[in-house]
Amino acid sequence: MTEPRIALLQGADGDLSDDEILALYAVRDRAASWLRVNFVSSVDGAATSAGLSAGLGSAADHRVFDLLRRLSDVVVVAAGTVRAEGYGPMRLPPDAAAWRVANGLSEHPVFAIVSASLRLDPSSRIFTDAPVRPVLVTVEDAPVERVEALSAVADVLVAGRLRVDTARMLALLAARGLRQVHCEGGPHLLGDLIGDDAVDELCLTISPVLEGAGASRIAAGVAGHVQRALELVHVLSADGNLLLRYVRRQPQDGAENVS
């Protein structure tokens, strides 16, 4: 299978290599906390097709999606998205694991699942086949019996009483050395992160389709009007898809942590 063509819109010629793409998305200071979120949307703003975000994805989108995992210390996903999208263990392919080791990282990023209810099966392959012990981020009011069962297969972190406090979650992850955070959904988790002003970067793929009415947006659940200013860092183009990278707008000097 040939690699999808990914090129800068601003006059770049030819295909970009994996190393060139990784360089485009790298941050300058890995020691500083950085939260990247990655989503796909139709042209008319739908976050899903037939109920799944995967229905909007393309070969180019999947390629960049996989490359972004290489750069992360931890991949954070809400439990609802884990169930809906059929996630398995966070195990990177051998070439990606080798690249991480060659660049001073662990073979695989940590998989962190966010769930207030902890409605997860401890016998799932997500836990039993994990190359690195996963993390579960939950709340004080989570069912005790589920906390006990899942503590046997994952590290359980408590971030809030009734709902997950995303600022607390990020602080707990940073305390474990997991500062480069890659969030893959879902919409309610993104809504919470936007509301808490925690998003440093949004990677958004625009799929060249119209989905019509009824589909959800990439963010949901934010109470009241919230606006966060972003700056466009680059645009990649592949087979009609636009892969956009936005970062938090900084005063005067631009996005200080972007390479």
Protein backbone atom coordinates (compact mmCIF):
# COMPACT_ATOMS: atom_id res chain seq x y z
CA MET A 1 0.00 0.00 0.00
CA THR A 2 1.44 3.37 -1.01
CA GLU A 3 1.79 6.10 1.58
CA PRO A 4 -0.84 8.86 1.31
CA ARG A 5 0.39 12.12 -0.13
CA ILE A 6 0.80 14.74 2.58
CA ALA A 7 2.15 18.14 1.60
CA LEU A 8 2.24 21.66 2.94
CA LEU A 9 -0.24 23.87 1.17
CA GLN A 10 2.20 26.79 1.16
CA GLY A 11 4.10 25.75 -1.95
CA ALA A 12 5.73 22.52 -0.76
CA ASP A 13 6.48 19.94 -3.48
CA GLY A 14 6.31 16.19 -3.12
CA ASP A 15 5.49 13.92 -0.22
CA LEU A 16 6.59 14.52 3.33
CA SER A 17 8.50 11.73 5.06
CA ASP A 18 7.54 10.48 8.51
CA ASP A 19 10.51 12.33 9.98
CA GLU A 20 9.43 15.58 8.31
CA ILE A 21 5.91 15.20 9.64
CA LEU A 22 7.18 14.43 13.14
CA ALA A 23 9.37 17.54 12.99
CA LEU A 24 6.33 19.65 12.06
CA TYR A 25 4.45 18.49 15.16
CA ALA A 26 7.32 18.38 17.67
CA VAL A 27 7.34 20.79 20.61
CA ARG A 28 10.54 22.52 21.63
CA ASP A 29 10.54 21.75 25.35
CA ARG A 30 9.33 18.25 26.29
CA ALA A 31 9.95 18.99 29.96
CA ALA A 32 7.10 21.52 29.96
CA SER A 33 3.52 20.26 30.13
CA TRP A 34 1.74 20.34 26.77
CA LEU A 35 -1.77 19.10 25.96
CA ARG A 36 -2.47 18.24 22.33
CA VAL A 37 -5.95 17.17 21.26
CA ASN A 38 -6.62 15.40 17.98
CA PHE A 39 -10.01 15.31 16.23
CA VAL A 40 -11.59 14.89 12.83
CA SER A 41 -14.59 16.78 11.46
CA SER A 42 -16.62 16.91 8.26
CA VAL A 43 -16.69 20.15 6.27
CA ASP A 44 -20.06 20.99 7.83
CA GLY A 45 -18.81 20.43 11.38
CA ALA A 46 -19.87 16.85 12.14
CA ALA A 47 -17.58 14.95 14.51
CA THR A 48 -18.87 11.51 13.50
CA SER A 49 -20.16 9.55 10.53
CA ALA A 50 -22.59 6.71 11.33
CA GLY A 51 -21.85 7.45 14.99
CA LEU A 52 -18.07 7.01 14.79
CA SER A 53 -15.25 9.47 14.23
CA ALA A 54 -13.40 6.72 12.35
CA GLY A 55 -16.00 7.06 9.60
CA LEU A 56 -14.53 10.47 8.73
CA GLY A 57 -10.91 9.39 8.75
CA SER A 58 -8.63 8.94 5.73
CA ALA A 59 -5.31 7.19 5.10
CA ALA A 60 -3.50 10.51 5.59
CA ASP A 61 -5.38 11.28 8.79
CA HIS A 62 -4.63 7.82 10.19
CA ARG A 63 -0.96 8.19 9.27
CA VAL A 64 -0.58 11.48 11.14
CA PHE A 65 -2.72 10.13 14.01
CA ASP A 66 -0.26 7.25 14.45
CA LEU A 67 2.76 9.53 14.19
CA LEU A 68 1.42 11.87 16.87
CA ARG A 69 1.29 8.95 19.31
CA ARG A 70 5.05 8.56 18.86
CA LEU A 71 5.57 12.05 20.30
CA SER A 72 3.43 11.57 23.40
CA ASP A 73 4.21 10.48 26.94
CA VAL A 74 0.57 9.54 27.52
CA VAL A 75 -2.50 9.06 25.33
CA VAL A 76 -5.68 10.20 27.11
CA VAL A 77 -9.11 8.99 25.99
CA ALA A 78 -12.54 9.12 27.63
CA ALA A 79 -14.03 5.72 28.41
CA GLY A 80 -17.06 6.32 26.19
CA THR A 81 -14.78 6.83 23.20
CA VAL A 82 -12.75 3.77 24.14
CA ARG A 83 -15.92 1.67 24.05
CA ALA A 84 -17.46 3.29 20.97
CA GLU A 85 -14.31 3.23 18.82
CA GLY A 86 -13.20 -0.26 19.92
CA TYR A 87 -9.82 0.65 21.39
CA GLY A 88 -7.32 -2.09 22.09
CA PRO A 89 -4.10 -1.95 24.11
CA MET A 90 -1.83 1.05 23.49
CA ARG A 91 0.86 -0.93 21.68
CA LEU A 92 2.80 0.85 18.93
CA PRO A 93 4.17 -1.05 15.94
CA PRO A 94 7.86 -2.09 16.13
CA ASP A 95 9.15 0.73 13.91
CA ALA A 96 7.38 3.35 16.01
CA ALA A 97 8.64 1.77 19.26
CA ALA A 98 12.19 1.71 17.86
CA TRP A 99 11.91 5.38 16.85
CA ARG A 100 10.83 6.32 20.37
CA VAL A 101 13.73 4.45 21.97
CA ALA A 102 16.20 6.04 19.53
CA ASN A 103 14.83 9.44 20.57
CA GLY A 104 15.14 8.82 24.31
CA LEU A 105 11.53 7.84 24.99
CA SER A 106 9.98 4.68 26.36
CA GLU A 107 8.88 2.10 23.77
CA HIS A 108 5.19 2.88 24.21
CA PRO A 109 3.19 5.80 25.60
CA VAL A 110 1.02 5.21 28.65
CA PHE A 111 -2.69 4.73 27.98
CA ALA A 112 -4.84 6.85 30.32
CA ILE A 113 -8.60 6.33 30.32
CA VAL A 114 -10.90 8.92 31.87
CA SER A 115 -14.03 7.54 33.54
CA ALA A 116 -16.15 8.70 36.45
CA SER A 117 -18.17 5.48 36.50
CA LEU A 118 -15.27 3.07 35.80
CA ARG A 119 -17.58 1.01 33.61
CA LEU A 120 -14.67 -0.95 32.19
CA ASP A 121 -13.86 -4.67 32.06
CA PRO A 122 -10.61 -5.54 33.88
CA SER A 123 -10.27 -8.64 31.69
CA SER A 124 -10.24 -6.49 28.50
CA ARG A 125 -7.18 -6.68 26.25
CA ILE A 126 -6.72 -2.98 26.97
CA PHE A 127 -5.37 -4.12 30.33
CA THR A 128 -4.27 -7.74 29.86
CA ASP A 129 -2.20 -7.06 26.70
CA ALA A 130 -0.95 -3.60 27.63
CA PRO A 131 2.82 -3.16 27.13
CA VAL A 132 2.74 -0.49 29.86
CA ARG A 133 0.43 -0.54 32.86
CA PRO A 134 -2.50 1.76 31.96
CA VAL A 135 -3.79 4.62 34.08
CA LEU A 136 -7.43 5.21 34.99
CA VAL A 137 -8.48 8.74 35.92
CA THR A 138 -11.65 8.78 37.99
CA VAL A 139 -13.47 10.52 40.86
CA GLU A 140 -13.90 10.08 44.59
CA ASP A 141 -17.47 8.86 44.13
CA ALA A 142 -16.53 6.05 41.72
CA PRO A 143 -17.98 2.65 42.76
CA VAL A 144 -15.64 1.12 45.33
CA GLU A 145 -15.94 -2.40 43.92
CA ARG A 146 -14.91 -1.18 40.46
CA VAL A 147 -11.97 0.74 41.86
CA GLU A 148 -10.79 -2.41 43.64
CA ALA A 149 -11.21 -4.63 40.59
CA LEU A 150 -9.51 -2.25 38.18
CA SER A 151 -6.68 -1.42 40.58
CA ALA A 152 -5.37 -4.93 39.90
CA VAL A 153 -4.73 -4.07 36.23
CA ALA A 154 -4.23 -0.29 36.18
CA ASP A 155 -3.07 2.63 38.29
CA VAL A 156 -6.15 4.50 39.48
CA LEU A 157 -5.83 8.27 39.92
CA VAL A 158 -8.55 10.33 41.63
CA ALA A 159 -9.08 13.80 40.13
CA GLY A 160 -12.22 15.35 41.58
CA ARG A 161 -15.27 14.24 43.56
CA LEU A 162 -18.26 14.05 41.17
CA ARG A 163 -16.60 14.90 37.86
CA VAL A 164 -13.04 14.62 36.63
CA ASP A 165 -11.20 17.88 37.19
CA THR A 166 -9.05 18.08 34.07
CA ALA A 167 -6.53 20.49 35.62
CA ARG A 168 -6.06 18.04 38.50
CA MET A 169 -5.78 15.18 36.01
CA LEU A 170 -3.01 16.92 34.08
CA ALA A 171 -1.17 17.74 37.32
CA LEU A 172 -1.33 14.10 38.41
CA LEU A 173 -0.04 12.92 35.04
CA ALA A 174 2.79 15.49 35.12
CA ALA A 175 3.77 14.28 38.59
CA ARG A 176 4.33 10.85 37.01
CA GLY A 177 6.56 12.40 34.32
CA LEU A 178 3.79 12.29 31.71
CA ARG A 179 3.91 15.87 30.45
CA GLN A 180 3.41 15.43 26.71
CA VAL A 181 -0.30 14.60 26.66
CA HIS A 182 -2.13 13.49 23.52
CA CYS A 183 -5.91 13.48 23.91
CA GLU A 184 -7.97 11.54 21.36
CA GLY A 185 -11.48 12.29 22.63
CA GLY A 186 -14.27 12.31 23.18
CA PRO A 187 -16.35 15.46 22.78
CA HIS A 188 -17.35 15.81 26.45
CA LEU A 189 -13.75 15.46 27.59
CA LEU A 190 -12.69 18.09 25.04
CA GLY A 191 -15.51 20.33 26.26
CA ASP A 192 -14.20 20.03 29.82
CA LEU A 193 -10.63 20.72 28.69
CA ILE A 194 -11.73 23.84 26.80
CA GLY A 195 -13.77 25.01 29.78
CA ASP A 196 -10.74 24.55 32.03
CA ASP A 197 -8.52 26.40 29.51
CA ALA A 198 -6.22 23.38 29.35
CA VAL A 199 -5.83 22.95 25.58
CA ASP A 200 -2.41 23.97 24.25
CA GLU A 201 -2.87 22.53 20.76
CA LEU A 202 -5.65 21.30 18.49
CA CYS A 203 -4.89 19.03 15.56
CA LEU A 204 -8.03 18.98 13.42
CA THR A 205 -8.56 17.07 10.19
CA ILE A 206 -11.30 18.42 7.92
CA SER A 207 -12.76 15.55 5.91
CA PRO A 208 -14.16 16.54 2.47
CA VAL A 209 -17.70 15.31 3.12
CA LEU A 210 -21.04 16.76 4.17
CA GLU A 211 -22.78 14.81 6.94
CA GLY A 212 -25.93 16.87 7.33
CA ALA A 213 -27.96 17.38 10.49
CA GLY A 214 -27.86 15.20 13.57
CA ALA A 215 -24.15 14.57 14.14
CA SER A 216 -22.37 15.94 17.21
CA ARG A 217 -19.58 18.54 17.26
CA ILE A 218 -16.04 17.77 18.38
CA ALA A 219 -16.72 19.50 21.73
CA ALA A 220 -19.77 19.04 23.92
CA GLY A 221 -20.99 19.92 27.38
CA VAL A 222 -19.29 23.27 27.92
CA ALA A 223 -21.55 25.39 30.13
CA GLY A 224 -22.03 28.90 28.80
CA HIS A 225 -19.98 30.69 26.16
CA VAL A 226 -16.27 29.88 26.10
CA GLN A 227 -13.83 31.29 23.56
CA ARG A 228 -10.12 30.45 23.44
CA ALA A 229 -7.89 32.12 20.84
CA LEU A 230 -5.70 29.86 18.68
CA GLU A 231 -3.06 30.40 16.01
CA LEU A 232 -2.71 28.28 12.87
CA VAL A 233 0.78 26.76 12.69
CA HIS A 234 0.50 24.73 9.50
CA VAL A 235 -1.88 23.14 7.02
CA LEU A 236 -1.28 19.79 5.39
CA SER A 237 -3.25 18.61 2.38
CA ALA A 238 -3.93 15.05 1.23
CA ASP A 239 -6.64 13.81 -1.13
CA GLY A 240 -8.98 16.67 -0.29
CA ASN A 241 -8.42 16.40 3.47
CA LEU A 242 -6.99 19.36 5.36
CA LEU A 243 -4.88 18.60 8.42
CA LEU A 244 -4.74 21.72 10.56
CA ARG A 245 -2.46 22.39 13.49
CA TYR A 246 -3.51 25.16 15.88
CA VAL A 247 -1.77 26.22 19.08
CA ARG A 248 -2.82 28.43 21.96
CA ARG A 249 -2.32 32.07 21.09
CA GLN A 250 0.44 33.62 23.16
CA PRO A 251 0.97 37.34 23.83
CA GLN A 252 3.49 39.08 21.57
CA ASP A 253 5.99 36.31 20.80
CA GLY A 254 3.79 33.51 19.49
CA ALA A 255 3.56 29.93 20.73
CA GLU A 256 6.67 29.54 22.84
CA ASN A 257 6.70 25.73 23.04
CA VAL A 258 6.29 25.05 19.33
CA SER A 259 9.32 24.04 17.30
